[in-house]
Each structure stands twice: as C-alpha cells, then as structure tokens.
Amino acid sequence: MNTKNRVFKKLAQAEKTELATQKVELGAIDDLRDNYQSAASKAVPLKRIIQKASNDLLKISDDLDKVQSDAKKLEQMAKELGAPNIVKSSQSLSSSAKSLSNSWGKSALKISAAAKEI
C-alpha cells in the first residue's frame, strides 16, 4: 500500500503542475489580447487627428492658391500703373505662394493616404 500511495501522490503533483502551467498560458493570452486592444484603440483617435491635419493643410494650400491668384492680379494692375516695385513684390509673393501651395498640397495628400492605411 505504501508504494501505491507514493505513486498516487506523485501523479497528483504532476497533474497540479500541468494545470498551473495551463493557467499561466491562458493568462498570457488574455494579457496579450488586452495589450493588442489597447494599442488598436489608440489608433482610432490618432487617425482622426491625422485626417484633420491633412484637411487643414489642404485648406491652407487653397488659401495660398488664392494669394497667388490675387498676386497675379496685383501684378497686372501694377504693370498698368507703371509701379515696378509692386510688380516685383507681387511676383515674389506669387512664386512663394505657389511653391508653398504645391508642397503643402502634396504633403496633405500623402498624409491623407497614410491615414487611410490606419
């Protein structure tokens, strides 16, 4: 009987160890899922911020297009009036506005595309 009791005792200990290992593994899976959900939930508000930034850049690009158009009109009026300093200034503003508008417009489109991937 003594041998039989020792065998049962060792078997009981082996089963307890296996169950404890399985519990740890299940807990690790739960922790992993929680971490995944936490990270994924942060992406949604961030995507909104990125989309807003893209929209704001597009609006600025549109405003710069208007500045460029107004500078061209001013340039024509200054040429008619014979004001070379104003012509030169309006040409410079038009060129700067066009450059910034193109750059920021392209950036806005890239940012928008990146936001769609999130």
Protein backbone atom coordinates (compact mmCIF):
# COMPACT_ATOMS: atom_id res chain seq x y z
CA MET A 1 0.00 0.00 0.00
CA ASN A 2 2.80 2.32 0.79
CA THR A 3 4.15 2.17 -2.75
CA LYS A 4 0.71 2.70 -4.17
CA ASN A 5 0.20 5.85 -2.08
CA ARG A 6 3.54 7.27 -3.19
CA VAL A 7 2.64 6.69 -6.86
CA PHE A 8 -0.72 8.41 -6.44
CA LYS A 9 0.92 11.26 -4.59
CA LYS A 10 3.46 11.79 -7.40
CA LEU A 11 0.73 11.60 -10.04
CA ALA A 12 -1.34 14.18 -8.19
CA GLN A 13 1.65 16.53 -8.04
CA ALA A 14 2.34 16.10 -11.75
CA GLU A 15 -1.27 16.95 -12.62
CA LYS A 16 -1.20 20.06 -10.44
CA THR A 17 1.92 21.27 -12.20
CA GLU A 18 0.35 20.80 -15.62
CA LEU A 19 -2.79 22.67 -14.61
CA ALA A 20 -0.76 25.55 -13.21
CA THR A 21 1.18 25.79 -16.47
CA GLN A 22 -2.02 25.88 -18.50
CA LYS A 23 -3.45 28.63 -16.29
CA VAL A 24 -0.35 30.74 -16.84
CA GLU A 25 -0.57 30.24 -20.59
CA LEU A 26 -4.25 31.25 -20.65
CA GLY A 27 -3.44 34.32 -18.59
CA ALA A 28 -0.67 35.24 -21.02
CA ILE A 29 -3.09 35.02 -23.94
CA ASP A 30 -5.57 37.28 -22.12
CA ASP A 31 -2.81 39.79 -21.38
CA LEU A 32 -1.71 39.70 -25.00
CA ARG A 33 -5.27 40.32 -26.21
CA ASP A 34 -5.67 43.21 -23.76
CA ASN A 35 -2.41 44.77 -24.95
CA TYR A 36 -3.49 44.40 -28.58
CA GLN A 37 -6.88 46.00 -27.94
CA SER A 38 -5.26 48.84 -26.00
CA ALA A 39 -2.84 49.59 -28.83
CA ALA A 40 -5.53 49.32 -31.51
CA SER A 41 -7.88 51.63 -29.61
CA LYS A 42 -5.22 54.37 -29.64
CA ALA A 43 -5.09 54.30 -33.44
CA VAL A 44 -8.68 55.48 -33.93
CA PRO A 45 -8.31 58.92 -32.29
CA LEU A 46 -4.89 59.30 -33.87
CA LYS A 47 -6.38 58.64 -37.30
CA ARG A 48 -8.89 61.47 -36.74
CA ILE A 49 -6.08 63.84 -35.77
CA ILE A 50 -4.10 62.89 -38.87
CA GLN A 51 -7.12 63.35 -41.14
CA LYS A 52 -7.83 66.76 -39.59
CA ALA A 53 -4.21 67.80 -40.13
CA SER A 54 -4.46 66.72 -43.76
CA ASN A 55 -7.70 68.68 -44.24
CA ASP A 56 -6.17 71.76 -42.60
CA LEU A 57 -3.15 71.57 -44.89
CA LEU A 58 -5.43 71.32 -47.93
CA LYS A 59 -7.33 74.43 -46.76
CA ILE A 60 -4.06 76.31 -46.33
CA SER A 61 -3.00 75.16 -49.79
CA ASP A 62 -6.28 76.53 -51.19
CA ASP A 63 -5.72 79.83 -49.35
CA LEU A 64 -2.23 80.05 -50.83
CA ASP A 65 -3.68 79.43 -54.31
CA LYS A 66 -5.95 82.43 -53.72
CA VAL A 67 -2.96 84.51 -52.59
CA GLN A 68 -1.16 83.51 -55.77
CA SER A 69 -4.16 84.47 -57.91
CA ASP A 70 -4.53 87.82 -56.13
CA ALA A 71 -0.80 88.48 -56.51
CA LYS A 72 -1.08 87.87 -60.27
CA LYS A 73 -3.97 90.35 -60.48
CA LEU A 74 -1.99 92.90 -58.45
CA GLU A 75 0.98 92.35 -60.74
CA GLN A 76 -1.14 93.15 -63.81
CA MET A 77 -2.56 96.28 -62.19
CA ALA A 78 0.92 97.41 -61.10
CA LYS A 79 2.24 96.91 -64.64
CA GLU A 80 -0.59 99.07 -65.99
CA LEU A 81 0.18 101.77 -63.43
CA GLY A 82 3.92 101.57 -64.05
CA ALA A 83 4.90 100.53 -60.50
CA PRO A 84 7.91 98.21 -60.93
CA ASN A 85 8.48 97.74 -57.17
CA ILE A 86 4.94 96.45 -56.70
CA VAL A 87 5.27 94.22 -59.78
CA LYS A 88 8.45 92.71 -58.36
CA SER A 89 6.92 92.21 -54.88
CA SER A 90 3.75 90.65 -56.26
CA GLN A 91 5.79 88.30 -58.46
CA SER A 92 7.81 87.23 -55.44
CA LEU A 93 4.68 86.64 -53.35
CA SER A 94 3.03 84.75 -56.20
CA SER A 95 6.07 82.50 -56.60
CA SER A 96 6.34 81.81 -52.86
CA ALA A 97 2.62 81.13 -52.53
CA LYS A 98 2.70 78.74 -55.49
CA SER A 99 5.69 76.86 -54.11
CA LEU A 100 4.18 76.51 -50.63
CA SER A 101 0.76 75.58 -52.02
CA ASN A 102 2.25 72.79 -54.13
CA SER A 103 4.43 71.50 -51.31
CA TRP A 104 1.71 71.56 -48.66
CA GLY A 105 -0.91 70.18 -51.04
CA LYS A 106 1.31 67.20 -51.85
CA SER A 107 2.07 66.68 -48.17
CA ALA A 108 -1.65 66.78 -47.34
CA LEU A 109 -2.35 64.09 -49.93
CA LYS A 110 0.43 61.89 -48.56
CA ILE A 111 -0.81 62.35 -45.01
CA SER A 112 -4.36 61.55 -46.11
CA ALA A 113 -3.18 58.37 -47.82
CA ALA A 114 -1.27 57.37 -44.67
CA ALA A 115 -4.38 57.98 -42.54
CA LYS A 116 -6.40 55.66 -44.78
CA GLU A 117 -3.92 52.87 -44.05
CA ILE A 118 -4.53 53.14 -40.32
